[in-house]
Protein backbone atom coordinates (compact mmCIF):
# COMPACT_ATOMS: atom_id res chain seq x y z
CA MET A 1 -0.02 0.18 0.03
CA ASP A 2 1.51 3.43 -0.85
CA VAL A 3 1.43 6.43 1.45
CA ALA A 4 0.49 9.88 0.73
CA MET A 5 3.37 12.14 2.02
CA THR A 6 3.10 15.12 3.96
CA SER A 7 3.59 18.29 1.88
CA THR A 8 6.39 20.86 3.07
CA THR A 9 3.83 23.17 4.19
CA ASP A 10 2.20 20.67 6.49
CA THR A 11 3.22 20.06 10.07
CA VAL A 12 2.23 17.36 12.53
CA CYS A 13 -0.10 17.31 15.66
CA PRO A 14 1.99 17.20 18.94
CA SER A 15 -0.63 14.86 20.54
CA CYS A 16 -1.10 12.20 17.75
CA GLY A 17 1.48 13.01 15.15
CA GLY A 18 -1.44 13.20 12.66
CA ALA A 19 -0.80 15.66 9.76
CA VAL A 20 -2.27 19.03 9.87
CA SER A 21 -1.70 22.32 8.15
CA GLU A 22 -0.11 25.60 9.92
CA ALA A 23 -3.57 27.29 9.40
CA ASP A 24 -5.39 24.62 11.52
CA LEU A 25 -6.69 25.64 14.84
CA PHE A 26 -7.52 21.86 15.68
CA CYS A 27 -6.18 18.26 14.80
CA GLU A 28 -8.86 16.53 12.44
CA ALA A 29 -7.60 13.22 13.97
CA CYS A 30 -7.48 13.87 17.55
CA GLY A 31 -9.51 17.07 18.14
CA ALA A 32 -6.22 18.57 19.99
CA GLU A 33 -6.01 22.26 19.88
CA LEU A 34 -3.16 23.80 17.91
CA LYS A 35 -1.52 27.09 18.06
CA PRO A 36 -2.17 29.14 14.92
CA GLY A 37 1.03 30.21 12.90
CA THR A 38 3.35 27.50 14.76
CA ALA A 39 4.82 24.26 13.65
CA PRO A 40 4.38 21.72 16.18
CA THR A 41 6.34 18.69 16.14
CA SER A 42 5.97 15.14 17.54
CA PRO A 43 8.45 12.79 18.87
CA ALA A 44 7.09 10.06 16.66
CA LEU A 45 8.24 12.08 13.61
CA ASP A 46 11.26 14.33 14.61
CA THR A 47 14.27 12.21 15.69
CA ASP A 48 17.66 13.02 15.95
CA THR A 49 18.88 9.51 14.30
CA GLU A 50 17.00 10.21 10.85
CA PRO A 51 16.82 14.13 10.34
CA THR A 52 16.40 13.83 6.73
CA VAL A 53 14.33 11.08 6.23
CA GLU A 54 10.36 11.21 6.71
CA ILE A 55 8.32 8.48 8.11
CA GLY A 56 6.83 7.01 4.95
CA ALA A 57 9.94 7.40 3.11
CA VAL A 58 12.32 4.51 2.12
CA PRO A 59 15.90 5.46 3.14
CA GLY A 60 18.18 6.14 0.29
CA GLN A 61 15.06 7.75 -1.59
CA GLU A 62 14.19 11.40 -1.78
CA ALA A 63 11.07 12.29 0.28
CA ALA A 64 8.13 12.99 -2.41
CA GLY A 65 5.31 15.33 -1.84
CA ALA A 66 1.74 14.55 -1.13
CA GLY A 67 0.64 11.92 -3.71
CA PRO A 68 -2.67 11.41 -5.47
CA CYS A 69 -5.84 10.60 -3.51
CA ARG A 70 -6.33 6.86 -3.10
CA SER A 71 -9.74 6.95 -3.68
CA CYS A 72 -10.38 8.76 -6.99
CA GLY A 73 -6.71 9.61 -8.15
CA GLY A 74 -7.42 13.38 -7.73
CA THR A 75 -5.06 16.05 -6.10
CA VAL A 76 -4.56 16.04 -2.04
CA GLY A 77 -4.70 19.82 -0.96
CA ALA A 78 -2.52 21.55 1.60
CA ASP A 79 -5.17 20.79 4.14
CA GLY A 80 -4.76 16.92 3.84
CA TYR A 81 -8.36 16.46 1.98
CA CYS A 82 -8.93 15.52 -1.66
CA GLU A 83 -9.68 18.43 -3.89
CA THR A 84 -12.01 16.21 -6.12
CA CYS A 85 -13.68 13.85 -3.62
CA GLY A 86 -13.01 15.24 -0.27
CA THR A 87 -11.35 11.92 1.08
CA LYS A 88 -9.03 12.51 3.89
CA ALA A 89 -5.56 11.49 2.84
CA ALA A 90 -3.44 8.77 4.67
CA LYS A 91 -1.03 10.13 7.33
CA PRO A 92 2.49 9.09 7.02
CA ARG A 93 2.31 7.51 10.25
CA ASP A 94 -0.33 5.12 8.70
CA HIS A 95 1.93 3.44 6.42
CA PHE A 96 5.75 3.48 5.96
CA GLU A 97 8.75 1.61 4.71
CA GLU A 98 12.32 1.24 5.14
CA GLN A 99 14.81 -0.39 3.09
CA PRO A 100 18.48 0.17 4.46
CA ALA A 101 20.16 -2.04 1.81
CA PRO A 102 18.58 -4.26 -0.77
CA TRP A 103 18.42 -7.71 1.04
CA VAL A 104 16.66 -5.85 4.24
CA ALA A 105 13.46 -4.20 4.37
CA GLY A 106 10.02 -3.35 6.27
CA VAL A 107 6.90 -2.24 6.00
CA CYS A 108 4.43 -0.89 8.87
CA ASP A 109 0.92 -0.45 8.21
CA ARG A 110 -2.29 1.04 9.93
CA GLY A 111 -4.38 -2.22 8.92
CA ILE A 112 -8.13 -1.60 8.09
CA ARG A 113 -9.94 -1.58 11.54
CA HIS A 114 -7.64 0.78 13.67
CA SER A 115 -7.90 4.53 13.52
CA ARG A 116 -4.28 5.01 14.10
CA ASN A 117 -0.98 2.90 13.51
CA GLU A 118 0.23 2.28 16.84
CA ASP A 119 2.93 -0.46 15.40
CA ALA A 120 6.51 0.78 14.80
CA MET A 121 9.68 -0.38 13.39
CA ALA A 122 13.44 0.69 12.90
CA ILE A 123 15.91 -1.52 11.00
CA ALA A 124 19.52 -1.10 9.60
CA ALA A 125 21.75 -3.09 7.62
CA ASP A 126 25.02 -3.34 6.12
CA ALA A 127 25.37 -3.29 2.30
CA GLU A 128 26.69 -6.98 2.03
CA PRO A 129 23.99 -9.57 1.72
CA GLY A 130 23.89 -11.71 4.93
CA SER A 131 26.53 -9.65 7.02
CA ARG A 132 24.74 -7.56 9.52
CA ALA A 133 21.14 -6.72 9.85
CA LEU A 134 19.10 -5.35 12.95
CA LEU A 135 15.34 -5.57 13.03
CA VAL A 136 13.38 -4.00 15.81
CA VAL A 137 9.44 -3.94 16.09
CA CYS A 138 7.55 -2.57 18.78
CA ASP A 139 3.70 -2.76 18.88
CA GLY A 140 1.93 0.13 21.09
CA VAL A 141 -0.57 -1.14 23.51
CA SER A 142 -4.02 0.24 22.30
CA SER A 143 -5.43 0.54 25.80
CA SER A 144 -2.59 3.06 26.74
CA LEU A 145 -2.11 6.71 25.87
CA ASP A 146 0.59 8.01 23.36
CA SER A 147 1.30 4.39 22.42
CA ASP A 148 1.79 5.35 18.83
CA VAL A 149 4.50 7.88 19.78
CA ALA A 150 6.12 5.54 22.49
CA SER A 151 6.55 2.53 20.02
CA LEU A 152 8.10 4.59 17.36
CA ALA A 153 10.51 6.41 20.12
CA ALA A 154 11.39 2.98 21.63
CA ALA A 155 11.89 1.33 18.15
CA ARG A 156 14.68 4.04 17.24
CA ALA A 157 16.06 4.23 20.55
CA ALA A 158 16.75 0.18 20.38
CA ARG A 159 18.10 0.78 16.70
CA GLU A 160 20.44 3.34 17.84
CA VAL A 161 21.99 1.26 20.59
CA LEU A 162 22.15 -1.79 18.32
CA GLU A 163 23.91 0.12 15.77
CA ALA A 164 26.41 1.59 18.02
CA GLY A 165 29.05 -1.24 17.26
CA HIS A 166 29.87 -4.92 16.54
CA ALA A 167 29.91 -7.09 19.63
CA GLN A 168 33.14 -9.18 19.59
CA GLY A 169 33.31 -10.70 22.86
CA LEU A 170 36.48 -12.76 23.53
CA GLY A 171 36.61 -14.04 20.11
CA THR A 172 34.65 -17.09 20.54
CA ASP A 173 31.27 -17.85 19.37
CA SER A 174 29.77 -18.27 22.90
CA SER A 175 31.34 -14.93 23.94
CA ARG A 176 30.18 -13.39 21.05
CA ALA A 177 26.66 -14.46 21.58
CA SER A 178 26.66 -13.20 24.96
CA ALA A 179 28.11 -9.94 24.03
CA ILE A 180 25.22 -9.77 21.17
CA ALA A 181 22.61 -10.74 23.81
CA ALA A 182 24.14 -8.18 26.32
CA ARG A 183 23.75 -5.46 23.83
CA LEU A 184 20.23 -6.47 22.90
CA LYS A 185 19.13 -6.25 26.54
CA ALA A 186 20.70 -2.56 26.63
CA ALA A 187 18.66 -1.85 23.46
CA ALA A 188 15.59 -2.88 25.30
CA ASP A 189 16.65 -0.84 28.41
CA ALA A 190 16.92 2.45 25.89
CA ALA A 191 13.37 1.34 24.33
CA SER A 192 12.05 1.35 27.96
CA ASP A 193 13.55 4.74 28.65
CA ALA A 194 12.10 6.15 25.41
CA VAL A 195 8.55 4.84 26.44
CA LEU A 196 9.12 6.71 29.82
CA ASP A 197 9.98 9.77 28.13
CA SER A 198 6.89 9.61 25.69
CA THR A 199 4.16 9.55 28.39
CA SER A 200 3.32 11.78 31.21
CA PRO A 201 4.52 10.67 34.90
CA ASP A 202 0.97 11.76 36.02
CA SER A 203 -0.77 9.66 33.42
CA PRO A 204 -3.63 7.22 34.68
CA ASN A 205 -2.92 5.00 31.84
CA PRO A 206 0.96 5.47 30.48
CA ALA A 207 2.34 4.55 27.37
CA SER A 208 3.34 1.10 27.02
CA CYS A 209 4.37 -1.37 24.02
CA THR A 210 6.02 -4.67 22.92
CA PHE A 211 9.48 -5.24 22.00
CA VAL A 212 11.06 -7.59 19.77
CA ALA A 213 14.46 -7.40 18.08
CA ALA A 214 16.75 -9.75 15.88
CA VAL A 215 20.39 -9.16 15.39
CA LEU A 216 22.29 -10.83 12.72
CA GLU A 217 26.20 -10.51 12.67
CA ASN A 218 28.24 -12.85 10.16
CA GLY A 219 26.21 -15.86 10.71
CA MET A 220 25.26 -15.73 14.50
CA LEU A 221 21.53 -14.63 14.80
CA VAL A 222 20.31 -13.28 18.35
CA ALA A 223 16.43 -12.40 18.96
CA GLY A 224 14.90 -11.32 22.08
CA SER A 225 11.23 -10.19 23.01
CA VAL A 226 9.09 -8.59 25.50
CA GLY A 227 5.39 -8.98 24.97
CA ASP A 228 3.84 -10.71 22.08
CA SER A 229 5.67 -9.46 18.68
CA ARG A 230 7.76 -12.28 17.40
CA ALA A 231 10.82 -13.33 15.38
CA TYR A 232 11.20 -16.25 13.03
CA TRP A 233 13.94 -17.96 10.96
CA PHE A 234 12.82 -19.71 7.83
CA PRO A 235 15.69 -21.57 6.37
CA ASP A 236 15.35 -22.73 2.91
CA ALA A 237 16.45 -26.08 3.47
CA ALA A 238 15.50 -27.07 6.84
CA GLU A 239 12.81 -26.76 9.44
CA PRO A 240 11.24 -23.43 10.35
CA VAL A 241 12.11 -21.87 13.78
CA GLY A 242 10.10 -19.59 16.19
CA LEU A 243 12.85 -17.50 17.89
CA THR A 244 10.67 -15.88 20.58
CA VAL A 245 8.29 -17.08 23.17
CA ASP A 246 5.15 -14.73 23.72
CA ASP A 247 4.81 -13.02 26.95
CA SER A 248 0.83 -13.62 27.04
CA TRP A 249 -1.97 -15.66 28.52
CA ALA A 250 -2.33 -17.63 25.35
CA ALA A 251 1.49 -18.55 25.62
CA GLU A 252 1.15 -19.71 29.47
CA LEU A 253 -2.19 -21.62 28.25
CA ILE A 254 -0.14 -23.53 25.49
CA ALA A 255 2.34 -24.13 28.15
CA THR A 256 -0.40 -26.01 30.22
CA GLY A 257 -1.32 -28.25 27.19
CA VAL A 258 -4.03 -26.01 25.68
CA SER A 259 -3.98 -26.39 21.89
CA ARG A 260 -2.65 -23.23 20.13
CA GLU A 261 -5.78 -22.55 18.00
CA GLU A 262 -7.72 -22.64 21.29
CA ALA A 263 -5.46 -20.39 23.29
CA GLU A 264 -5.04 -17.90 20.60
CA SER A 265 -8.75 -17.39 19.50
CA GLY A 266 -9.97 -17.13 23.31
CA PRO A 267 -11.18 -13.99 24.92
CA HIS A 268 -7.83 -13.32 26.62
CA ALA A 269 -5.78 -14.41 23.76
CA HIS A 270 -3.74 -11.02 23.55
CA ALA A 271 -3.46 -10.14 27.12
CA ILE A 272 0.41 -9.58 27.32
CA THR A 273 2.04 -10.33 30.79
CA ARG A 274 5.19 -8.20 30.03
CA TRP A 275 5.60 -5.12 28.12
CA LEU A 276 7.70 -1.86 27.95
CA GLY A 277 6.32 1.15 29.85
CA LYS A 278 5.95 2.75 33.46
CA ASP A 279 4.07 0.06 35.01
CA ALA A 280 6.12 -2.78 33.39
CA PRO A 281 6.77 -5.59 35.87
CA ASP A 282 9.85 -6.24 33.88
CA HIS A 283 11.32 -5.63 30.48
CA THR A 284 14.38 -7.79 30.13
CA PRO A 285 14.13 -9.59 26.81
CA ARG A 286 14.27 -13.48 26.82
CA THR A 287 17.01 -14.18 24.13
CA THR A 288 17.65 -16.96 21.58
CA THR A 289 20.90 -17.57 19.76
CA LEU A 290 21.45 -19.81 16.62
CA GLN A 291 24.25 -20.22 14.01
CA VAL A 292 22.85 -19.25 10.36
CA SER A 293 24.46 -22.35 8.05
CA GLY A 294 22.50 -21.74 4.85
CA PRO A 295 20.24 -19.28 3.14
CA GLY A 296 16.98 -18.51 4.42
CA TRP A 297 14.42 -15.46 5.59
CA LEU A 298 14.55 -13.79 8.92
CA LEU A 299 11.06 -12.52 9.72
CA VAL A 300 10.32 -10.05 12.73
CA CYS A 301 6.48 -9.01 12.60
CA SER A 302 3.64 -7.71 15.23
CA ASP A 303 0.69 -9.73 15.90
CA GLY A 304 -0.96 -7.98 13.02
CA LEU A 305 0.61 -10.33 10.62
CA TRP A 306 0.81 -13.53 12.92
CA ASN A 307 -2.65 -13.32 14.15
CA TYR A 308 -3.79 -15.18 10.78
CA CYS A 309 -0.76 -17.53 10.68
CA SER A 310 0.47 -18.24 13.86
CA GLU A 311 2.92 -21.36 13.52
CA ALA A 312 6.25 -21.34 12.29
CA ALA A 313 5.68 -24.13 9.43
CA PRO A 314 2.43 -22.66 7.69
CA LEU A 315 3.76 -18.81 8.15
CA ALA A 316 7.17 -20.00 6.44
CA GLU A 317 5.29 -21.36 3.54
CA LEU A 318 3.53 -18.28 3.30
CA VAL A 319 6.75 -16.06 3.37
CA ARG A 320 8.36 -18.50 0.71
CA GLN A 321 5.56 -18.46 -1.57
CA THR A 322 5.04 -14.62 -1.46
CA ALA A 323 8.76 -14.05 -1.97
CA ALA A 324 8.57 -16.36 -5.14
CA ASP A 325 5.78 -14.22 -6.33
CA LYS A 326 7.88 -11.10 -5.76
CA GLY A 327 10.94 -12.56 -7.36
CA GLY A 328 12.60 -12.54 -3.75
CA GLU A 329 12.73 -8.86 -3.22
CA PRO A 330 12.23 -8.20 0.31
CA LEU A 331 10.45 -4.65 0.11
CA ALA A 332 8.02 -6.14 -2.40
CA THR A 333 7.47 -9.43 -0.08
CA ALA A 334 6.92 -7.60 3.05
CA SER A 335 4.58 -5.19 1.22
CA ALA A 336 2.73 -8.17 -0.05
CA LEU A 337 2.58 -9.79 3.41
CA VAL A 338 0.93 -6.70 4.79
CA ASP A 339 -1.60 -6.74 1.99
CA TRP A 340 -2.22 -10.37 2.89
CA ALA A 341 -2.86 -9.68 6.45
CA ASN A 342 -5.35 -6.71 5.42
CA ALA A 343 -7.19 -9.25 3.19
CA GLN A 344 -7.56 -11.39 5.89
CA GLY A 345 -9.30 -8.47 7.92
CA GLY A 346 -6.51 -6.18 8.96
CA GLN A 347 -8.01 -5.98 12.57
CA ASP A 348 -4.67 -5.04 13.71
CA ASN A 349 -1.95 -2.70 12.98
CA ILE A 350 0.72 -4.82 10.63
CA THR A 351 4.50 -4.66 10.62
CA VAL A 352 6.62 -6.93 8.49
CA ALA A 353 10.43 -6.74 8.55
CA LEU A 354 12.40 -9.11 6.56
CA ALA A 355 15.99 -10.13 5.69
CA ARG A 356 16.78 -12.37 3.05
CA ILE A 357 20.16 -14.18 3.92
């Protein structure tokens, strides 16, 4: 799904990150009062790590102006509405893409049922295929305030820590794995701090989000999570592997012998037991390490995707078939997987980050 980029005369609402024009007195998305003549900013859109890239833009490409109306193809005006049919244009936060290298890409989408996108991702990669990739996904908890701002701040803060340097350890595989896991835990700490900075200390319902990150460095893959966003490894010539275990009531039911289908379709299927935020009981990610010995796909995603295909084997088949249809191109594959989830109902925000190794 394409996104209509914000024009250069637009600004963003400081409360929700929605697109507003400098002439607007109130935000159309959340109703917040705006000060005429000012250029409000949002932590979800303005970051120190990517000062020249807008949300919605693929790194390495110049940001475009406002695109055509998705309803009729007409021109979208400076106020964010189509001048032909009057449809409100999509906000950049509703759908954005990142592709730091040809072999790594991600797509984050609002879905169909939600009014805003509370998912977020931040990814990075070295140019050489299979060398180094960092994939972070955070899913804002819908019942908490400012979760869309917090999730994006958390994802970017974690990526910044992971990008800081290569973890060498003492030179052995075990020490290098421990060093990467320690850096991943430091990334979760930074993400937690970013969530705390994105919410009022007096808020009765402080911002919170899930966290999952996967680090690939020269054949070593380390993944860790808090909540129910997931990482998977789908090798071409071996059994698919789920790299993370959910912190959720459903996972606890599965551990007691309840079938996955029953647990993940029950009334409390998406009640999480750990998260990032002011009231979080513990945000230390549980990590998994494996050696990558052959080609395959690394997938990091929110529950907006795995809701419709939870188990590793069928999800691996979906990814492989989708990739085959898209010529093995990661960005096109991630976009097609988001489209597939929307076609299943799009009941949640959807994030798909992929690395082709």
